PDB file of N, CA and C in Angstrom:
ATOM      1  N   MET A   1     113.251  64.723  78.304  1.00  0.00           N
ATOM      2  CA  MET A   1     114.144  64.942  77.181  1.00  0.00           C
ATOM      3  C   MET A   1     113.829  66.294  76.562  1.00  0.00           C
ATOM      4  N   ALA A   2     114.796  67.183  76.526  1.00  0.00           N
ATOM      5  CA  ALA A   2     114.604  68.495  75.932  1.00  0.00           C
ATOM      6  C   ALA A   2     114.756  68.404  74.420  1.00  0.00           C
ATOM      7  N   TYR A   3     113.897  69.098  73.716  1.00  0.00           N
ATOM      8  CA  TYR A   3     113.951  69.107  72.256  1.00  0.00           C
ATOM      9  C   TYR A   3     114.842  70.266  71.856  1.00  0.00           C
ATOM     10  N   ARG A   4     116.166  70.023  71.866  1.00  0.00           N
ATOM     11  CA  ARG A   4     117.124  71.107  71.634  1.00  0.00           C
ATOM     12  C   ARG A   4     118.388  70.533  71.016  1.00  0.00           C
ATOM     13  N   CYS A   5     119.021  71.324  70.141  1.00  0.00           N
ATOM     14  CA  CYS A   5     120.278  70.932  69.530  1.00  0.00           C
ATOM     15  C   CYS A   5     121.387  71.109  70.552  1.00  0.00           C
ATOM     16  N   GLU A   6     122.228  70.069  70.711  1.00  0.00           N
ATOM     17  CA  GLU A   6     123.296  70.125  71.700  1.00  0.00           C
ATOM     18  C   GLU A   6     124.499  70.936  71.213  1.00  0.00           C
ATOM     19  N   VAL A   7     124.519  71.329  69.933  1.00  0.00           N
ATOM     20  CA  VAL A   7     125.629  72.102  69.390  1.00  0.00           C
ATOM     21  C   VAL A   7     125.311  73.595  69.435  1.00  0.00           C
ATOM     22  N   CYS A   8     124.198  73.994  68.827  1.00  0.00           N
ATOM     23  CA  CYS A   8     123.890  75.430  68.721  1.00  0.00           C
ATOM     24  C   CYS A   8     122.807  75.883  69.689  1.00  0.00           C
ATOM     25  N   GLY A   9     122.100  74.942  70.325  1.00  0.00           N
ATOM     26  CA  GLY A   9     121.074  75.320  71.295  1.00  0.00           C
ATOM     27  C   GLY A   9     119.733  75.690  70.693  1.00  0.00           C
ATOM     28  N   LYS A  10     119.532  75.351  69.422  1.00  0.00           N
ATOM     29  CA  LYS A  10     118.262  75.671  68.765  1.00  0.00           C
ATOM     30  C   LYS A  10     117.126  74.886  69.421  1.00  0.00           C
ATOM     31  N   GLU A  11     116.023  75.555  69.748  1.00  0.00           N
ATOM     32  CA  GLU A  11     114.867  74.905  70.384  1.00  0.00           C
ATOM     33  C   GLU A  11     113.577  75.374  69.726  1.00  0.00           C
ATOM     34  N   PRO A  12     112.445  74.801  70.111  1.00  0.00           N
ATOM     35  CA  PRO A  12     111.184  75.157  69.459  1.00  0.00           C
ATOM     36  C   PRO A  12     110.802  76.625  69.652  1.00  0.00           C
ATOM     37  N   TRP A  13     110.178  77.178  68.607  1.00  0.00           N
ATOM     38  CA  TRP A  13     109.603  78.520  68.670  1.00  0.00           C
ATOM     39  C   TRP A  13     108.116  78.374  68.899  1.00  0.00           C
ATOM     40  N   THR A  14     107.506  79.357  69.546  1.00  0.00           N
ATOM     41  CA  THR A  14     106.068  79.350  69.739  1.00  0.00           C
ATOM     42  C   THR A  14     105.463  80.563  69.075  1.00  0.00           C
ATOM     43  N   GLY A  15     104.193  80.436  68.708  1.00  0.00           N
ATOM     44  CA  GLY A  15     103.489  81.534  68.066  1.00  0.00           C
ATOM     45  C   GLY A  15     102.021  81.194  67.930  1.00  0.00           C
ATOM     46  N   LYS A  16     101.355  81.899  67.058  1.00  0.00           N
ATOM     47  CA  LYS A  16      99.935  81.680  66.823  1.00  0.00           C
ATOM     48  C   LYS A  16      99.700  81.219  65.392  1.00  0.00           C
ATOM     49  N   GLN A  17      98.778  80.284  65.265  1.00  0.00           N
ATOM     50  CA  GLN A  17      98.306  79.857  63.952  1.00  0.00           C
ATOM     51  C   GLN A  17      97.035  80.657  63.684  1.00  0.00           C
ATOM     52  N   VAL A  18      96.999  81.389  62.574  1.00  0.00           N
ATOM     53  CA  VAL A  18      95.872  82.269  62.277  1.00  0.00           C
ATOM     54  C   VAL A  18      95.084  81.676  61.131  1.00  0.00           C
ATOM     55  N   SER A  19      93.793  81.414  61.363  1.00  0.00           N
ATOM     56  CA  SER A  19      92.947  80.840  60.328  1.00  0.00           C
ATOM     57  C   SER A  19      92.414  81.941  59.409  1.00  0.00           C
ATOM     58  N   PHE A  20      91.664  81.555  58.409  1.00  0.00           N
ATOM     59  CA  PHE A  20      91.079  82.516  57.462  1.00  0.00           C
ATOM     60  C   PHE A  20      90.156  83.500  58.171  1.00  0.00           C
ATOM     61  N   SER A  21      89.435  83.032  59.189  1.00  0.00           N
ATOM     62  CA  SER A  21      88.535  83.907  59.942  1.00  0.00           C
ATOM     63  C   SER A  21      89.249  84.624  61.099  1.00  0.00           C
ATOM     64  N   HIS A  22      90.552  84.526  61.137  1.00  0.00           N
ATOM     65  CA  HIS A  22      91.412  85.144  62.149  1.00  0.00           C
ATOM     66  C   HIS A  22      91.194  84.595  63.559  1.00  0.00           C
ATOM     67  N   LYS A  23      90.689  83.366  63.683  1.00  0.00           N
ATOM     68  CA  LYS A  23      90.748  82.676  64.969  1.00  0.00           C
ATOM     69  C   LYS A  23      92.205  82.318  65.202  1.00  0.00           C
ATOM     70  N   ARG A  24      92.654  82.437  66.433  1.00  0.00           N
ATOM     71  CA  ARG A  24      94.055  82.161  66.724  1.00  0.00           C
ATOM     72  C   ARG A  24      94.186  80.994  67.692  1.00  0.00           C
ATOM     73  N   SER A  25      95.122  80.144  67.403  1.00  0.00           N
ATOM     74  CA  SER A  25      95.435  79.041  68.304  1.00  0.00           C
ATOM     75  C   SER A  25      96.947  78.905  68.373  1.00  0.00           C
ATOM     76  N   SER A  26      97.423  78.396  69.488  1.00  0.00           N
ATOM     77  CA  SER A  26      98.862  78.282  69.692  1.00  0.00           C
ATOM     78  C   SER A  26      99.447  77.162  68.859  1.00  0.00           C
ATOM     79  N   ARG A  27     100.686  77.337  68.435  1.00  0.00           N
ATOM     80  CA  ARG A  27     101.401  76.291  67.711  1.00  0.00           C
ATOM     81  C   ARG A  27     102.886  76.414  68.002  1.00  0.00           C
ATOM     82  N   ARG A  28     103.632  75.360  67.615  1.00  0.00           N
ATOM     83  CA  ARG A  28     105.077  75.347  67.802  1.00  0.00           C
ATOM     84  C   ARG A  28     105.767  75.017  66.489  1.00  0.00           C
ATOM     85  N   TRP A  29     106.902  75.660  66.249  1.00  0.00           N
ATOM     86  CA  TRP A  29     107.770  75.326  65.122  1.00  0.00           C
ATOM     87  C   TRP A  29     108.948  74.547  65.694  1.00  0.00           C
ATOM     88  N   LEU A  30     109.079  73.276  65.272  1.00  0.00           N
ATOM     89  CA  LEU A  30     110.114  72.418  65.815  1.00  0.00           C
ATOM     90  C   LEU A  30     111.320  72.387  64.877  1.00  0.00           C
ATOM     91  N   PRO A  31     112.537  72.504  65.406  1.00  0.00           N
ATOM     92  CA  PRO A  31     113.723  72.348  64.563  1.00  0.00           C
ATOM     93  C   PRO A  31     113.894  70.884  64.169  1.00  0.00           C
ATOM     94  N   ASN A  32     114.542  70.663  63.047  1.00  0.00           N
ATOM     95  CA  ASN A  32     114.760  69.306  62.552  1.00  0.00           C
ATOM     96  C   ASN A  32     115.959  68.710  63.283  1.00  0.00           C
ATOM     97  N   ILE A  33     115.668  67.949  64.335  1.00  0.00           N
ATOM     98  CA  ILE A  33     116.713  67.396  65.200  1.00  0.00           C
ATOM     99  C   ILE A  33     116.871  65.908  64.920  1.00  0.00           C
ATOM    100  N   GLN A  34     118.125  65.488  64.715  1.00  0.00           N
ATOM    101  CA  GLN A  34     118.436  64.092  64.439  1.00  0.00           C
ATOM    102  C   GLN A  34     119.331  63.567  65.560  1.00  0.00           C
ATOM    103  N   ARG A  35     119.159  62.296  65.903  1.00  0.00           N
ATOM    104  CA  ARG A  35     120.079  61.640  66.841  1.00  0.00           C
ATOM    105  C   ARG A  35     121.160  60.968  66.017  1.00  0.00           C
ATOM    106  N   VAL A  36     122.382  61.447  66.112  1.00  0.00           N
ATOM    107  CA  VAL A  36     123.472  60.906  65.299  1.00  0.00           C
ATOM    108  C   VAL A  36     124.635  60.517  66.195  1.00  0.00           C
ATOM    109  N   ARG A  37     125.435  59.592  65.694  1.00  0.00           N
ATOM    110  CA  ARG A  37     126.660  59.182  66.390  1.00  0.00           C
ATOM    111  C   ARG A  37     127.758  60.132  65.926  1.00  0.00           C
ATOM    112  N   VAL A  38     128.383  60.795  66.893  1.00  0.00           N
ATOM    113  CA  VAL A  38     129.332  61.868  66.604  1.00  0.00           C
ATOM    114  C   VAL A  38     130.687  61.533  67.204  1.00  0.00           C
ATOM    115  N   LYS A  39     131.750  61.898  66.484  1.00  0.00           N
ATOM    116  CA  LYS A  39     133.105  61.719  67.005  1.00  0.00           C
ATOM    117  C   LYS A  39     133.320  62.724  68.123  1.00  0.00           C
ATOM    118  N   HIS A  40     133.672  62.201  69.313  1.00  0.00           N
ATOM    119  CA  HIS A  40     133.847  63.031  70.504  1.00  0.00           C
ATOM    120  C   HIS A  40     135.197  62.700  71.114  1.00  0.00           C
ATOM    121  N   GLY A  41     136.228  63.450  70.730  1.00  0.00           N
ATOM    122  CA  GLY A  41     137.579  63.125  71.189  1.00  0.00           C
ATOM    123  C   GLY A  41     138.063  61.874  70.496  1.00  0.00           C
ATOM    124  N   SER A  42     138.518  60.877  71.272  1.00  0.00           N
ATOM    125  CA  SER A  42     139.009  59.631  70.677  1.00  0.00           C
ATOM    126  C   SER A  42     137.903  58.597  70.508  1.00  0.00           C
ATOM    127  N   ASN A  43     136.771  58.793  71.166  1.00  0.00           N
ATOM    128  CA  ASN A  43     135.657  57.852  71.041  1.00  0.00           C
ATOM    129  C   ASN A  43     134.433  58.560  70.452  1.00  0.00           C
ATOM    130  N   SER A  44     133.307  57.853  70.402  1.00  0.00           N
ATOM    131  CA  SER A  44     132.104  58.442  69.813  1.00  0.00           C
ATOM    132  C   SER A  44     130.964  58.413  70.821  1.00  0.00           C
ATOM    133  N   ARG A  45     129.974  59.275  70.584  1.00  0.00           N
ATOM    134  CA  ARG A  45     128.781  59.295  71.436  1.00  0.00           C
ATOM    135  C   ARG A  45     127.595  59.786  70.609  1.00  0.00           C
ATOM    136  N   ARG A  46     126.396  59.499  71.116  1.00  0.00           N
ATOM    137  CA  ARG A  46     125.182  59.940  70.437  1.00  0.00           C
ATOM    138  C   ARG A  46     124.817  61.339  70.922  1.00  0.00           C
ATOM    139  N   MET A  47     124.450  62.195  69.958  1.00  0.00           N
ATOM    140  CA  MET A  47     124.041  63.558  70.293  1.00  0.00           C
ATOM    141  C   MET A  47     122.800  63.907  69.506  1.00  0.00           C
ATOM    142  N   ARG A  48     122.026  64.846  70.030  1.00  0.00           N
ATOM    143  CA  ARG A  48     120.885  65.397  69.302  1.00  0.00           C
ATOM    144  C   ARG A  48     121.365  66.659  68.611  1.00  0.00           C
ATOM    145  N   VAL A  49     121.418  66.633  67.277  1.00  0.00           N
ATOM    146  CA  VAL A  49     121.985  67.723  66.499  1.00  0.00           C
ATOM    147  C   VAL A  49     120.986  68.135  65.431  1.00  0.00           C
ATOM    148  N   CYS A  50     120.824  69.447  65.213  1.00  0.00           N
ATOM    149  CA  CYS A  50     119.929  69.919  64.159  1.00  0.00           C
ATOM    150  C   CYS A  50     120.612  69.733  62.798  1.00  0.00           C
ATOM    151  N   THR A  51     119.820  69.647  61.746  1.00  0.00           N
ATOM    152  CA  THR A  51     120.351  69.365  60.423  1.00  0.00           C
ATOM    153  C   THR A  51     121.189  70.514  59.886  1.00  0.00           C
ATOM    154  N   SER A  52     120.923  71.743  60.333  1.00  0.00           N
ATOM    155  CA  SER A  52     121.746  72.856  59.855  1.00  0.00           C
ATOM    156  C   SER A  52     123.167  72.754  60.397  1.00  0.00           C
ATOM    157  N   CYS A  53     123.342  72.239  61.611  1.00  0.00           N
ATOM    158  CA  CYS A  53     124.694  72.016  62.155  1.00  0.00           C
ATOM    159  C   CYS A  53     125.384  70.870  61.433  1.00  0.00           C
ATOM    160  N   LEU A  54     124.625  69.818  61.090  1.00  0.00           N
ATOM    161  CA  LEU A  54     125.202  68.701  60.346  1.00  0.00           C
ATOM    162  C   LEU A  54     125.679  69.166  58.965  1.00  0.00           C
ATOM    163  N   LYS A  55     124.847  69.941  58.300  1.00  0.00           N
ATOM    164  CA  LYS A  55     125.175  70.412  56.949  1.00  0.00           C
ATOM    165  C   LYS A  55     126.357  71.377  56.978  1.00  0.00           C
ATOM    166  N   ALA A  56     126.457  72.194  58.024  1.00  0.00           N
ATOM    167  CA  ALA A  56     127.534  73.171  58.138  1.00  0.00           C
ATOM    168  C   ALA A  56     128.861  72.534  58.547  1.00  0.00           C
ATOM    169  N   GLY A  57     128.822  71.248  58.956  1.00  0.00           N
ATOM    170  CA  GLY A  57     130.043  70.556  59.334  1.00  0.00           C
ATOM    171  C   GLY A  57     130.526  70.886  60.723  1.00  0.00           C
ATOM    172  N   LYS A  58     129.621  71.313  61.592  1.00  0.00           N
ATOM    173  CA  LYS A  58     130.006  71.649  62.970  1.00  0.00           C
ATOM    174  C   LYS A  58     130.325  70.415  63.799  1.00  0.00           C
ATOM    175  N   VAL A  59     129.813  69.248  63.376  1.00  0.00           N
ATOM    176  CA  VAL A  59     130.137  67.986  64.024  1.00  0.00           C
ATOM    177  C   VAL A  59     130.574  67.002  62.966  1.00  0.00           C
ATOM    178  N   GLU A  60     131.351  65.999  63.384  1.00  0.00           N
ATOM    179  CA  GLU A  60     131.830  64.980  62.453  1.00  0.00           C
ATOM    180  C   GLU A  60     131.154  63.658  62.780  1.00  0.00           C
ATOM    181  N   LYS A  61     130.392  63.152  61.808  1.00  0.00           N
ATOM    182  CA  LYS A  61     129.684  61.885  62.004  1.00  0.00           C
ATOM    183  C   LYS A  61     130.652  60.715  61.951  1.00  0.00           C
ATOM    184  N   VAL A  62     130.316  59.650  62.683  1.00  0.00           N
ATOM    185  CA  VAL A  62     131.154  58.442  62.679  1.00  0.00           C
ATOM    186  C   VAL A  62     130.516  57.419  61.781  1.00  0.00           C
TER     187      VAL A  62
END
C-alpha cells in the first residue's frame, strides 16, 4: 500500500532530524491521509485523500 494521495499525488518527504549536538538521523514527514468514501460518477468508492484536498473541495464525500 503506497502512502500517497490519490487526488494530488502528495507522498512522504524525507530529510534529516538534527539534534542539539548536530547528530543527524533520517526521518520522514508524512502527509495527513484519510480513507474516505467519495462520490465517483454515479456510485461511490473508497479513496486515500489528503486533508488539504478534502478541505479544498477537490472530492465530494458521500
